[in-house]
Amino acid sequence: MIRALRRRFLLIAMASLAGTLALLCLAINLGYRHMLTQRADAAVEMLHQTGGVFQIPDAPVDPAAHGGFQVTPETPFETRYFIVHLTENREVTEVDAEHIAALDRRMVVEWVGNILDGGKHSGYTSYYRYGVFAELGGGTTIVVLDCFLQLQGAGGVLRISLLAAGVCLLTVFLLLLLLSRRVTRPFVENLERQRQFVTDASHELKTPLASIRLLTDSILQTDGMDPDTVKDFVSDIGEEAERLTRISEKLLTLTRM
C-alpha cells in the first residue's frame, strides 16, 4: 500500500508538471511564431508601400526598443523578396526578382499562380510569406518575402524548448524518486496511527461486549436463578454498557481531533 501511495504521488506530480511544461512550451512557440509572422507582414506591407525599397532611418536603431519589424542599413542586403504586378485579368505585367536568387521569372509566375489559386490575402507558401494587395487603379500587387531563416529559428526554439522541458521532467522525476519516501512519510505514519487506533479500539470494545454476552447467556441458560443473582447480573450488564458508552465517547473525541 505504501508503494502504491508513492507511485500515485509520483504520477500526480509528474502529470501536473508535464501539463504545465506543455502549456508553457505551447505558449512560447505560438507566441514566437506569431511574432515572426507579424514582422514578416510588416516587411511585406512596407515593401508594397515603398515600391520594393526599404527606407533606411536616419537615427540609429535599437533592437531592444520594440519587437516589431525594424529597418537597418543591412536590411536591403539580407532580405530576400520579389514583387509581381498583375492586371485585373491576372496577367503578369512586371516582375521584380532582383532581390532573390532562388527563383527565376518562370518560377515566380508559377508561384504567383499558386498564391492566387489559394484565394488568401496573406499567408505562407513553403517558407515564403506573401501579401496580396489590390491597387486603386486596378490590378494586383503580390509581395513575397523569404522567411527561411526566421522559420528555421522558430524550429530551433521549438527543439530547445522541448529539450529543456524533457530535461526538467527527468530532473524533477529523479528528485521526486529520491525524496518521495520523505514526502510520503507523514502520510505513512498517519496511516500506521490509524491502524493502531482501530486495533486498540477493537480490543477496548471486545472486553465489555464479551462480559455482556457472558452475563446474558448465564441468565438465559440458568433455570430458576435467584432473583438477587439476576439483579446483580443485570447491574453488571448496566455497568458494562456504561463502559461501552464511555469508550464510544472517547473514540468519537479522538476521531474529531
Protein backbone atom coordinates (compact mmCIF):
# COMPACT_ATOMS: atom_id res chain seq x y z
CA MET A 1 0.00 0.00 0.00
CA ILE A 2 2.89 2.32 0.79
CA ARG A 3 4.43 1.63 -2.62
CA ALA A 4 1.10 2.32 -4.28
CA LEU A 5 0.93 5.63 -2.41
CA ARG A 6 4.43 6.59 -3.60
CA ARG A 7 3.61 5.62 -7.19
CA ARG A 8 0.42 7.63 -7.07
CA PHE A 9 2.27 10.63 -5.66
CA LEU A 10 4.90 10.42 -8.41
CA LEU A 11 2.26 10.00 -11.10
CA ILE A 12 0.21 13.01 -9.97
CA ALA A 13 3.28 15.22 -9.52
CA MET A 14 4.79 14.31 -12.89
CA ALA A 15 1.46 14.62 -14.72
CA SER A 16 0.93 18.09 -13.25
CA LEU A 17 4.45 19.19 -14.16
CA ALA A 18 4.21 17.72 -17.67
CA GLY A 19 0.93 19.54 -18.29
CA THR A 20 2.37 22.83 -17.05
CA LEU A 21 5.51 22.49 -19.18
CA ALA A 22 3.45 21.53 -22.23
CA LEU A 23 1.32 24.66 -21.87
CA LEU A 24 4.45 26.76 -21.35
CA CYS A 25 6.16 25.34 -24.45
CA LEU A 26 2.99 25.82 -26.47
CA ALA A 27 2.66 29.44 -25.36
CA ILE A 28 6.34 30.21 -26.07
CA ASN A 29 6.36 28.66 -29.53
CA LEU A 30 2.98 30.03 -30.61
CA GLY A 31 4.00 33.46 -29.35
CA TYR A 32 7.33 33.30 -31.18
CA ARG A 33 5.68 32.12 -34.40
CA HIS A 34 3.09 34.90 -34.12
CA MET A 35 5.85 37.48 -33.61
CA LEU A 36 7.71 36.23 -36.70
CA THR A 37 4.53 36.38 -38.76
CA GLN A 38 3.81 39.94 -37.62
CA ARG A 39 7.34 41.04 -38.53
CA ALA A 40 7.08 39.39 -41.94
CA ASP A 41 3.71 41.02 -42.61
CA ALA A 42 5.13 44.40 -41.58
CA ALA A 43 8.03 43.93 -44.00
CA VAL A 44 5.68 42.88 -46.82
CA GLU A 45 3.45 45.89 -46.14
CA MET A 46 6.45 48.23 -46.15
CA LEU A 47 7.73 46.83 -49.45
CA HIS A 48 4.32 47.35 -51.00
CA GLN A 49 4.03 50.93 -49.79
CA THR A 50 7.56 51.92 -50.83
CA GLY A 51 7.54 50.14 -54.18
CA GLY A 52 10.06 47.48 -53.18
CA VAL A 53 12.61 49.71 -51.43
CA PHE A 54 13.48 49.71 -47.74
CA GLN A 55 13.70 53.21 -46.32
CA ILE A 56 16.74 53.46 -44.06
CA PRO A 57 16.08 55.54 -40.92
CA ASP A 58 18.46 58.39 -40.11
CA ALA A 59 18.58 57.60 -36.38
CA PRO A 60 20.38 54.53 -35.03
CA VAL A 61 18.14 51.51 -34.49
CA ASP A 62 17.85 49.97 -31.02
CA PRO A 63 16.94 46.24 -31.27
CA ALA A 64 15.51 46.33 -27.74
CA ALA A 65 13.22 49.27 -28.48
CA HIS A 66 10.30 47.08 -29.61
CA GLY A 67 9.65 43.64 -31.01
CA GLY A 68 8.30 44.70 -34.39
CA PHE A 69 10.00 44.86 -37.76
CA GLN A 70 12.86 47.39 -37.86
CA VAL A 71 14.92 48.51 -40.83
CA THR A 72 18.68 48.82 -40.55
CA PRO A 73 21.29 49.73 -43.18
CA GLU A 74 21.85 45.97 -43.68
CA THR A 75 18.17 45.10 -44.21
CA PRO A 76 18.18 45.64 -48.03
CA PHE A 77 21.14 43.27 -48.37
CA GLU A 78 19.97 40.49 -46.08
CA THR A 79 16.29 40.39 -47.08
CA ARG A 80 15.19 38.24 -50.00
CA TYR A 81 11.90 39.03 -51.76
CA PHE A 82 10.20 39.52 -55.11
CA ILE A 83 7.29 41.65 -56.26
CA VAL A 84 4.83 40.90 -59.06
CA HIS A 85 2.32 43.30 -60.64
CA LEU A 86 -0.76 41.89 -62.36
CA THR A 87 -3.68 43.26 -64.33
CA GLU A 88 -7.30 42.78 -63.36
CA ASN A 89 -7.28 39.67 -65.56
CA ARG A 90 -4.40 38.20 -63.52
CA GLU A 91 -1.89 38.76 -66.32
CA VAL A 92 1.66 39.44 -65.16
CA THR A 93 2.85 42.87 -66.26
CA GLU A 94 6.02 43.31 -64.21
CA VAL A 95 8.26 41.07 -62.12
CA ASP A 96 10.88 42.44 -59.72
CA ALA A 97 13.05 39.43 -58.84
CA GLU A 98 16.36 41.24 -58.43
CA HIS A 99 16.39 40.61 -54.70
CA ILE A 100 16.03 36.85 -54.81
CA ALA A 101 18.32 34.23 -56.36
CA ALA A 102 16.38 31.01 -55.80
CA LEU A 103 13.63 31.79 -58.35
CA ASP A 104 13.67 32.93 -61.96
CA ARG A 105 10.85 34.67 -63.80
CA ARG A 106 9.15 31.44 -64.89
CA MET A 107 9.20 30.04 -61.34
CA VAL A 108 7.93 33.36 -59.96
CA VAL A 109 4.95 33.24 -62.33
CA GLU A 110 4.17 29.70 -61.17
CA TRP A 111 4.34 30.76 -57.52
CA VAL A 112 2.04 33.68 -58.24
CA GLY A 113 -0.49 31.35 -59.85
CA ASN A 114 -0.45 29.09 -56.77
CA ILE A 115 -0.91 32.10 -54.47
CA LEU A 116 -3.87 33.43 -56.45
CA ASP A 117 -5.48 29.99 -56.58
CA GLY A 118 -5.35 29.88 -52.78
CA GLY A 119 -7.65 32.91 -52.61
CA LYS A 120 -5.99 34.39 -49.48
CA HIS A 121 -4.76 37.93 -48.97
CA SER A 122 -1.76 36.73 -46.92
CA GLY A 123 -0.20 33.50 -45.76
CA TYR A 124 2.69 31.10 -46.16
CA THR A 125 3.61 29.08 -49.19
CA SER A 126 6.51 26.84 -48.34
CA TYR A 127 8.84 29.13 -46.34
CA TYR A 128 7.72 32.30 -48.13
CA ARG A 129 5.34 34.85 -46.60
CA TYR A 130 3.19 36.69 -49.12
CA GLY A 131 0.74 39.55 -49.24
CA VAL A 132 -1.80 40.26 -51.99
CA PHE A 133 -2.75 43.93 -52.44
CA ALA A 134 -5.49 45.34 -54.66
CA GLU A 135 -4.42 48.60 -56.31
CA LEU A 136 -6.71 51.63 -56.55
CA GLY A 137 -6.17 51.98 -60.29
CA GLY A 138 -6.98 48.34 -60.89
CA GLY A 139 -4.76 45.32 -60.86
CA THR A 140 -2.99 43.47 -58.08
CA THR A 141 0.44 43.54 -56.49
CA ILE A 142 1.90 40.50 -54.80
CA VAL A 143 4.88 40.81 -52.45
CA VAL A 144 6.61 37.58 -51.45
CA LEU A 145 9.22 37.50 -48.67
CA ASP A 146 11.74 34.73 -47.99
CA CYS A 147 11.34 33.68 -44.31
CA PHE A 148 13.56 30.61 -44.35
CA LEU A 149 15.94 31.79 -41.62
CA GLN A 150 13.10 33.05 -39.43
CA LEU A 151 11.17 29.77 -39.68
CA GLN A 152 14.37 27.84 -39.13
CA GLY A 153 14.87 29.87 -35.95
CA ALA A 154 11.31 29.02 -34.88
CA GLY A 155 12.11 25.34 -35.36
CA GLY A 156 15.22 25.80 -33.24
CA VAL A 157 13.18 27.43 -30.47
CA LEU A 158 10.74 24.50 -30.60
CA ARG A 159 13.52 21.92 -30.30
CA ILE A 160 15.27 23.81 -27.49
CA SER A 161 12.03 24.28 -25.53
CA LEU A 162 11.15 20.58 -25.89
CA LEU A 163 14.65 19.57 -24.85
CA ALA A 164 14.54 21.91 -21.84
CA ALA A 165 11.13 20.54 -20.85
CA GLY A 166 12.41 16.96 -21.17
CA VAL A 167 15.48 17.71 -19.04
CA CYS A 168 13.28 19.43 -16.46
CA LEU A 169 10.90 16.47 -16.33
CA LEU A 170 13.76 13.99 -15.94
CA THR A 171 15.43 16.07 -13.22
CA VAL A 172 12.23 16.51 -11.23
CA PHE A 173 11.40 12.81 -11.62
CA LEU A 174 14.77 11.79 -10.18
CA LEU A 175 14.42 14.26 -7.32
CA LEU A 176 10.91 13.06 -6.53
CA LEU A 177 12.08 9.47 -6.72
CA LEU A 178 14.75 10.19 -4.13
CA LEU A 179 12.56 12.37 -1.92
CA SER A 180 9.23 10.58 -2.29
CA ARG A 181 9.89 8.43 0.78
CA ARG A 182 10.43 11.53 2.90
CA VAL A 183 7.43 13.31 1.36
CA THR A 184 5.07 10.39 1.92
CA ARG A 185 6.41 9.60 5.41
CA PRO A 186 3.78 11.78 7.22
CA PHE A 187 1.01 10.00 5.32
CA VAL A 188 2.51 6.61 6.14
CA GLU A 189 2.85 7.49 9.81
CA ASN A 190 -0.73 8.74 9.87
CA LEU A 191 -1.87 5.50 8.25
CA GLU A 192 0.00 3.47 10.88
CA ARG A 193 -1.59 5.52 13.66
CA GLN A 194 -5.00 4.90 12.16
CA ARG A 195 -4.34 1.17 12.02
CA GLN A 196 -3.15 1.18 15.63
CA PHE A 197 -6.18 3.23 16.62
CA VAL A 198 -8.54 0.68 15.03
CA THR A 199 -6.71 -2.19 16.74
CA ASP A 200 -6.84 -0.54 20.16
CA ALA A 201 -10.49 0.40 19.72
CA SER A 202 -11.31 -3.17 18.75
CA HIS A 203 -9.69 -4.53 21.92
CA GLU A 204 -11.36 -1.90 24.09
CA LEU A 205 -14.79 -2.77 22.71
CA LYS A 206 -14.39 -6.54 22.86
CA THR A 207 -13.99 -6.71 26.66
CA PRO A 208 -17.31 -5.15 27.74
CA LEU A 209 -19.15 -6.83 24.86
CA ALA A 210 -17.80 -10.22 25.95
CA SER A 211 -18.84 -9.52 29.55
CA ILE A 212 -22.35 -8.50 28.49
CA ARG A 213 -22.74 -11.61 26.37
CA LEU A 214 -21.47 -13.86 29.16
CA LEU A 215 -23.82 -12.38 31.72
CA THR A 216 -26.75 -12.53 29.29
CA ASP A 217 -26.06 -16.19 28.44
CA SER A 218 -25.82 -17.02 32.13
CA ILE A 219 -29.25 -15.53 32.80
CA LEU A 220 -30.82 -17.23 29.79
CA GLN A 221 -29.27 -20.67 30.35
CA THR A 222 -29.80 -20.90 34.10
CA ASP A 223 -33.28 -22.05 35.13
CA GLY A 224 -34.68 -20.84 38.41
CA MET A 225 -31.91 -18.33 39.04
CA ASP A 226 -32.24 -16.48 42.31
CA PRO A 227 -33.80 -13.00 41.81
CA ASP A 228 -30.95 -11.34 43.70
CA THR A 229 -28.42 -13.03 41.41
CA VAL A 230 -30.38 -11.93 38.35
CA LYS A 231 -30.44 -8.41 39.75
CA ASP A 232 -26.66 -8.48 40.26
CA PHE A 233 -26.11 -9.77 36.70
CA VAL A 234 -28.36 -7.06 35.28
CA SER A 235 -26.48 -4.46 37.32
CA ASP A 236 -23.18 -5.77 35.91
CA ILE A 237 -24.63 -5.59 32.40
CA GLY A 238 -25.57 -1.96 33.03
CA GLU A 239 -22.03 -1.17 34.21
CA GLU A 240 -20.56 -2.78 31.11
CA ALA A 241 -22.99 -0.79 28.96
CA GLU A 242 -21.85 2.41 30.66
CA ARG A 243 -18.27 1.36 29.98
CA LEU A 244 -19.14 0.91 26.32
CA THR A 245 -20.68 4.38 26.30
CA ARG A 246 -17.53 5.94 27.78
CA ILE A 247 -15.31 4.11 25.26
CA SER A 248 -17.53 5.24 22.36
CA GLU A 249 -17.39 8.85 23.54
CA LYS A 250 -13.57 8.66 23.76
CA LEU A 251 -13.38 7.19 20.25
CA LEU A 252 -15.59 9.97 18.90
CA THR A 253 -13.42 12.55 20.62
CA LEU A 254 -10.25 11.06 19.10
CA THR A 255 -11.73 10.96 15.60
CA ARG A 256 -12.55 14.68 15.82
CA MET A 257 -9.02 15.67 16.81
